[in-house]
Each structure stands twice: as structure tokens, then as C-alpha cells.
């Protein structure tokens, strides 16, 4: 999107219009008193002169005065007089910070991915004289230059860089544009990348790739956990091999934990009981419970 601003090379001032009314009324009053049309005609002519001679420039504006086409001075802010017909005014230059929105559609990145990029350029005129005389239409020059620089910068970066390094891309664009606009009396303060859009099909493919990477990472973490658990089991088996009593106590603890819930039943192979030497112990406990 290209942002355009209409310039007003000349405009009437309220003060000039007021002086015109006063002079015209004074001339009409003198005509009635002197009974002659000359005072009225003179009052109107003087009023017309001041109507076009009095100009007012706002605090944030500057304007160049040309006399017979040659530059005389830079005027503003405030009220000033010029000579009609002899003096002409250039466009009024706004020296406040300006904002221009630029976009690049279907531009290929370095890895040949078409993207749509929106950016905002903050700039201001620091030398109104250069902005008036060095470039015909600095607003259009800023807009087209920003659009061209944005496309060139997109072509030098990969998609991942544009998504994750927007601030770096904005600094690069600001430097490029500032070098172009400094001779025009314009400085580019900053460039912000507002949005980077990619095709929907590519967005879906990237989402699937990210999901696959997360699943792969989860499986790797699970495998690492299995390795760590197996190493701990190997260490525990060495301890139990050297201390059979510890193995028996561990077996009894496992059975106790399994039967702790009320009404639970645990089926244990007889071979496991023989291995842990718990057969006699369980039989003694059962007989005690029956008595």
C-alpha cells in the first residue's frame, strides 16, 4: 500500500481575509462621506493586495519564497508578507515525524520462498530547503525507495531470518534508506517490519515439520530415560546379588505395597516366591490369620 499526501502550494490566511474586509468597509465608508467612488476602489485594491500578501506558516512547517523564479529565503513559522505576482511560494513542508506504510507482495526470499511483507517507515524532513529543491516529490521518492529497499532486503535473507530477526532487518532497511535520503534533507529514523506472511500450504508444511521435530525430541528423551533406568537397575542387581537379605526385603515391600489396598488380590508365581524365599513366611502369616 502506498500512502500519498496532497500538498497545498498556496493557501489564504484568515488574517489577510480580515484585512481585506476592513479595507473594503473603510473604502465604502469614505465613499459615502466624500461622495466619490475612488476611496471604495482604493480600499478594495488595498484589501486585495493584503489578501494575497499576508501568509501564515504553522509552527511545524517551512516554505520557500521565490522571486521571479529565484530562491529568496526560507520562511516560517509565523506570519510574513510577500509581493504578489513577483513572489511565489513553494509547497509547504511539514517537518514533523511522518509515517509511510510500504508492502512487498510475493517477493522471493534467499531460499526461494514467496512472502508478503508489510513495513512502516518513520522519517522526517530536517532540511526543508533541500527537500524542496533537490527532489521533485520527496513523499513519492520515500515510498518507492522504501518499497525497492524492502524487496532487495527480502532477497538477501532466508525465511527463518525474516521471521526471527525482524529487528535486524528493520535496522538494515533504515541504514539503506537513510543513505539515500540524506542528500534530500530527509532522515529515516526507523523501519519496523509489521508482518511477514507466507503461503498457506507452506505454513501447513512448516507446522507438520515442527510437530515431527517435537515428536522426535520426545522419543529421544524417552530413550534417554530408559537408558538411565536400565543403568540404575543394573546397579541394583549387583547390590541384590551381593546381599540376598536385601532382595528378600525388597520383595516383601513390593507385596506389601500391592496388598495394601483393602480387598485387593495379588497373584504371584510360585517360582518368584521360591526365589525370594517368601513361601514359608507367607504360609506362617496365613496360619496366624486363621487362628
Protein backbone atom coordinates (compact mmCIF):
# COMPACT_ATOMS: atom_id res chain seq x y z
CA UNK A 1 0.00 0.00 0.00
CA UNK A 2 1.36 3.42 -0.99
CA UNK A 3 0.49 6.37 1.20
CA UNK A 4 0.09 9.69 -0.62
CA UNK A 5 -0.35 13.16 0.86
CA UNK A 6 -1.70 16.12 -1.06
CA UNK A 7 0.44 19.26 -0.88
CA UNK A 8 -1.05 22.77 -0.88
CA UNK A 9 1.40 25.13 -2.58
CA UNK A 10 -0.68 28.20 -1.61
CA UNK A 11 -3.46 28.99 0.81
CA UNK A 12 -5.36 32.02 2.01
CA UNK A 13 -4.79 33.25 5.55
CA UNK A 14 -7.53 34.34 7.90
CA UNK A 15 -5.60 37.50 8.76
CA UNK A 16 -5.39 38.51 5.10
CA UNK A 17 -9.09 37.95 4.62
CA UNK A 18 -9.84 40.06 7.72
CA UNK A 19 -7.64 42.91 6.44
CA UNK A 20 -9.43 42.71 3.07
CA UNK A 21 -12.82 43.09 4.76
CA UNK A 22 -11.61 46.03 6.87
CA UNK A 23 -10.13 47.84 3.87
CA UNK A 24 -13.22 47.26 1.76
CA UNK A 25 -15.54 48.55 4.51
CA UNK A 26 -13.29 51.55 5.09
CA UNK A 27 -13.34 52.36 1.38
CA UNK A 28 -17.13 52.10 1.26
CA UNK A 29 -17.40 54.41 4.29
CA UNK A 30 -15.08 57.00 2.71
CA UNK A 31 -17.13 56.85 -0.49
CA UNK A 32 -20.31 57.68 1.39
CA UNK A 33 -18.60 60.57 3.17
CA UNK A 34 -16.77 62.01 0.16
CA UNK A 35 -19.45 61.05 -2.36
CA UNK A 36 -16.77 59.65 -4.67
CA UNK A 37 -16.15 56.05 -5.90
CA UNK A 38 -12.36 56.38 -5.71
CA UNK A 39 -12.00 55.65 -1.97
CA UNK A 40 -14.07 52.49 -2.33
CA UNK A 41 -11.98 51.34 -5.29
CA UNK A 42 -8.75 52.11 -3.45
CA UNK A 43 -9.95 50.27 -0.34
CA UNK A 44 -10.84 47.17 -2.35
CA UNK A 45 -7.49 47.20 -4.18
CA UNK A 46 -5.55 47.58 -0.94
CA UNK A 47 -7.61 44.81 0.61
CA UNK A 48 -6.94 42.50 -2.34
CA UNK A 49 -3.22 43.22 -2.05
CA UNK A 50 -3.10 42.26 1.62
CA UNK A 51 -5.36 39.29 0.96
CA UNK A 52 -2.67 37.75 -1.24
CA UNK A 53 0.35 39.30 0.52
CA UNK A 54 -0.25 38.09 4.06
CA UNK A 55 0.70 34.46 4.63
CA UNK A 56 0.87 32.35 7.77
CA UNK A 57 3.05 29.27 8.26
CA UNK A 58 2.32 26.85 11.10
CA UNK A 59 4.89 26.04 13.76
CA UNK A 60 5.82 22.70 12.20
CA UNK A 61 6.02 23.95 8.60
CA UNK A 62 8.50 25.74 6.34
CA UNK A 63 8.01 27.29 2.90
CA UNK A 64 10.40 28.74 0.30
CA UNK A 65 9.81 32.17 -1.28
CA UNK A 66 10.76 32.51 -4.96
CA UNK A 67 11.03 35.95 -6.59
CA UNK A 68 10.78 35.75 -10.34
CA UNK A 69 11.65 32.06 -10.03
CA UNK A 70 14.80 32.54 -7.94
CA UNK A 71 15.10 31.42 -4.34
CA UNK A 72 14.98 34.30 -1.89
CA UNK A 73 14.60 32.80 1.57
CA UNK A 74 13.04 30.08 3.66
CA UNK A 75 10.12 31.33 5.70
CA UNK A 76 8.31 30.07 8.79
CA UNK A 77 6.87 29.71 11.28
CA UNK A 78 4.56 32.70 11.76
CA UNK A 79 3.15 35.50 9.62
CA UNK A 80 5.03 37.20 6.80
CA UNK A 81 4.43 39.39 3.74
CA UNK A 82 5.25 38.74 0.12
CA UNK A 83 4.85 40.75 -3.05
CA UNK A 84 2.02 39.31 -5.16
CA UNK A 85 2.86 38.38 -8.75
CA UNK A 86 6.60 38.87 -8.09
CA UNK A 87 6.83 36.34 -5.27
CA UNK A 88 5.59 32.78 -5.34
CA UNK A 89 5.57 30.08 -2.68
CA UNK A 90 6.77 26.53 -2.91
CA UNK A 91 4.89 23.67 -1.29
CA UNK A 92 4.57 23.77 2.46
CA UNK A 93 6.98 21.29 4.04
CA UNK A 94 5.84 19.51 7.20
CA UNK A 95 8.84 18.89 9.49
CA UNK A 96 7.07 16.58 11.93
CA UNK A 97 7.77 12.84 12.02
CA UNK A 98 5.96 11.20 9.13
CA UNK A 99 4.82 7.60 8.76
CA UNK A 100 4.79 5.73 5.45
CA UNK A 101 3.45 2.21 5.04
CA UNK A 102 5.04 0.02 2.37
CA UNK A 103 4.49 -3.59 1.37
CA UNK A 104 6.14 -6.22 -0.82
CA UNK A 105 3.89 -8.93 -2.22
CA UNK A 106 5.00 -12.37 -3.45
CA UNK A 107 8.69 -11.49 -3.10
CA UNK A 108 11.15 -14.40 -3.12
CA UNK A 109 13.50 -14.83 -0.18
CA UNK A 110 17.03 -16.16 -0.48
CA UNK A 111 15.74 -19.72 -0.16
CA UNK A 112 13.10 -19.05 -2.88
CA UNK A 113 10.05 -18.79 -0.63
CA UNK A 114 7.37 -16.27 -1.72
CA UNK A 115 6.39 -13.96 1.15
CA UNK A 116 4.25 -10.87 1.69
CA UNK A 117 5.89 -8.31 3.97
CA UNK A 118 4.42 -5.12 5.46
CA UNK A 119 6.70 -2.44 6.92
CA UNK A 120 6.37 1.01 8.48
CA UNK A 121 8.92 3.78 7.81
CA UNK A 122 9.31 6.67 10.28
CA UNK A 123 11.03 9.70 8.73
CA UNK A 124 11.21 13.48 8.93
CA UNK A 125 12.47 16.47 6.93
CA UNK A 126 15.39 18.09 8.74
CA UNK A 127 16.37 20.47 5.90
CA UNK A 128 13.33 21.94 4.17
CA UNK A 129 15.42 23.78 1.57
CA UNK A 130 17.00 20.57 0.27
CA UNK A 131 13.68 18.73 0.37
CA UNK A 132 12.13 21.41 -1.83
CA UNK A 133 14.91 21.85 -4.38
CA UNK A 134 16.75 18.50 -4.51
CA UNK A 135 13.82 16.20 -5.25
CA UNK A 136 10.56 16.82 -7.11
CA UNK A 137 8.23 14.82 -4.85
CA UNK A 138 10.00 13.55 -1.75
CA UNK A 139 6.89 11.75 -0.49
CA UNK A 140 6.76 9.56 -3.59
CA UNK A 141 10.55 9.15 -3.53
CA UNK A 142 10.43 7.91 0.07
CA UNK A 143 7.60 5.50 -0.68
CA UNK A 144 9.10 3.98 -3.84
CA UNK A 145 12.61 3.89 -2.37
CA UNK A 146 11.33 2.09 0.74
CA UNK A 147 9.46 -0.44 -1.37
CA UNK A 148 12.53 -1.16 -3.50
CA UNK A 149 14.83 -1.46 -0.49
CA UNK A 150 12.37 -3.81 1.20
CA UNK A 151 12.30 -6.14 -1.83
CA UNK A 152 16.09 -6.14 -2.07
CA UNK A 153 16.46 -6.93 1.63
CA UNK A 154 13.97 -9.80 1.38
CA UNK A 155 16.01 -11.34 -1.43
CA UNK A 156 19.17 -11.29 0.72
CA UNK A 157 17.62 -13.09 3.72
CA UNK A 158 16.22 -16.53 4.30
CA UNK A 159 12.69 -17.08 5.55
CA UNK A 160 13.82 -18.15 9.04
CA UNK A 161 15.87 -14.96 9.41
CA UNK A 162 12.95 -12.77 8.37
CA UNK A 163 10.64 -14.38 10.92
CA UNK A 164 13.05 -14.43 13.88
CA UNK A 165 15.25 -11.38 13.13
CA UNK A 166 12.76 -8.65 12.24
CA UNK A 167 14.60 -6.02 14.26
CA UNK A 168 17.85 -6.71 12.40
CA UNK A 169 16.05 -6.46 9.07
CA UNK A 170 14.49 -3.14 10.13
CA UNK A 171 17.91 -1.70 11.10
CA UNK A 172 19.33 -2.75 7.74
CA UNK A 173 16.48 -1.06 5.86
CA UNK A 174 16.83 2.08 7.95
CA UNK A 175 20.53 2.34 7.11
CA UNK A 176 19.94 1.82 3.38
CA UNK A 177 17.13 4.40 3.20
CA UNK A 178 18.97 6.96 5.31
CA UNK A 179 21.94 6.89 2.93
CA UNK A 180 19.58 7.58 0.01
CA UNK A 181 17.54 10.34 1.64
CA UNK A 182 20.24 12.33 3.47
CA UNK A 183 21.14 14.36 0.33
CA UNK A 184 17.45 15.35 0.12
CA UNK A 185 17.42 16.77 3.65
CA UNK A 186 15.42 13.81 4.94
CA UNK A 187 16.39 11.33 7.64
CA UNK A 188 14.84 7.92 8.21
CA UNK A 189 14.55 7.36 11.95
CA UNK A 190 13.46 3.73 11.98
CA UNK A 191 11.85 0.96 9.97
CA UNK A 192 9.62 -1.64 11.60
CA UNK A 193 8.62 -4.93 9.99
CA UNK A 194 4.94 -5.21 10.85
CA UNK A 195 4.01 -8.57 9.34
CA UNK A 196 5.54 -11.45 7.37
CA UNK A 197 3.02 -13.71 5.65
CA UNK A 198 3.75 -16.96 3.83
CA UNK A 199 1.51 -19.16 1.62
CA UNK A 200 -1.00 -21.34 3.48
CA UNK A 201 0.37 -24.59 2.00
CA UNK A 202 3.88 -23.73 3.18
CA UNK A 203 2.56 -22.73 6.59
CA UNK A 204 0.88 -26.15 6.95
CA UNK A 205 4.09 -27.92 5.87
CA UNK A 206 6.12 -25.95 8.42
CA UNK A 207 3.60 -26.81 11.13
CA UNK A 208 3.85 -30.51 10.32
CA UNK A 209 7.64 -30.29 10.34
CA UNK A 210 7.61 -28.61 13.75
CA UNK A 211 5.26 -31.30 15.09
CA UNK A 212 7.51 -34.06 13.74
CA UNK A 213 10.53 -32.41 15.39
CA UNK A 214 8.70 -32.26 18.73
CA UNK A 215 7.72 -35.95 18.47
CA UNK A 216 11.29 -36.91 17.60
CA UNK A 217 12.60 -34.92 20.57
CA UNK A 218 10.06 -36.62 22.86
CA UNK A 219 11.16 -40.08 21.68
CA UNK A 220 14.81 -39.18 22.22
CA UNK A 221 14.05 -38.01 25.74
CA UNK A 222 12.11 -41.23 26.43
CA UNK A 223 15.01 -43.31 25.13
CA UNK A 224 17.46 -41.45 27.34
CA UNK A 225 15.19 -42.08 30.32
CA UNK A 226 15.06 -45.81 29.51
CA UNK A 227 18.86 -45.93 29.35
CA UNK A 228 19.17 -44.20 32.72
CA UNK A 229 16.60 -46.53 34.30
CA UNK A 230 18.33 -49.63 32.93
CA UNK A 231 21.66 -48.41 34.31
CA UNK A 232 20.10 -47.98 37.75
CA UNK A 233 18.54 -51.48 37.51
CA UNK A 234 21.93 -52.91 36.63
CA UNK A 235 23.46 -51.27 39.70
CA UNK A 236 20.59 -52.53 41.89
CA UNK A 237 21.02 -56.10 40.60
CA UNK A 238 24.68 -56.03 41.65
CA UNK A 239 23.68 -54.90 45.13
CA UNK A 240 21.00 -57.63 45.43
CA UNK A 241 23.42 -60.28 44.16
CA UNK A 242 25.86 -59.45 46.96
CA UNK A 243 23.12 -59.15 49.64
CA UNK A 244 20.24 -61.74 49.38
CA UNK A 245 18.57 -60.34 52.50
CA UNK A 246 18.09 -57.01 50.77
CA UNK A 247 16.44 -58.84 47.86
CA UNK A 248 14.04 -60.58 50.27
CA UNK A 249 13.17 -57.31 51.98
CA UNK A 250 12.54 -55.67 48.63
CA UNK A 251 10.24 -58.49 47.59
CA UNK A 252 8.29 -58.25 50.83
CA UNK A 253 7.94 -54.49 50.36
CA UNK A 254 6.61 -54.96 46.82
CA UNK A 255 3.99 -57.44 48.04
CA UNK A 256 3.02 -55.18 50.90
CA UNK A 257 2.54 -52.25 48.55
CA UNK A 258 0.42 -54.41 46.23
CA UNK A 259 -1.81 -55.75 49.03
CA UNK A 260 -2.13 -52.52 50.97
CA UNK A 261 -5.43 -51.64 49.34
CA UNK A 262 -8.39 -53.26 51.08
CA UNK A 263 -9.88 -56.23 49.26
CA UNK A 264 -7.05 -56.43 46.71
CA UNK A 265 -5.76 -59.77 45.46
CA UNK A 266 -2.28 -60.34 44.11
CA UNK A 267 -1.38 -63.41 42.10
CA UNK A 268 2.31 -64.20 42.47
CA UNK A 269 4.04 -67.10 40.66
CA UNK A 270 5.38 -69.76 43.00
CA UNK A 271 8.77 -69.52 41.32
CA UNK A 272 9.01 -65.89 42.41
CA UNK A 273 8.20 -66.84 45.99
CA UNK A 274 10.82 -69.59 45.96
CA UNK A 275 13.39 -67.20 44.52
CA UNK A 276 12.76 -64.63 47.22
CA UNK A 277 12.32 -67.30 49.97
CA UNK A 278 8.92 -65.91 50.89
CA UNK A 279 6.89 -69.15 50.63
CA UNK A 280 7.37 -70.16 54.28
CA UNK A 281 6.84 -66.64 55.52
CA UNK A 282 3.53 -66.26 53.70
CA UNK A 283 2.34 -69.68 54.94
CA UNK A 284 3.10 -68.70 58.54
CA UNK A 285 1.23 -65.43 58.17
CA UNK A 286 -1.80 -67.20 56.66
CA UNK A 287 -1.96 -69.76 59.51
CA UNK A 288 -1.72 -67.00 62.06
CA UNK A 289 -4.62 -65.16 60.44
CA UNK A 290 -6.82 -68.36 60.52
CA UNK A 291 -6.16 -68.86 64.26
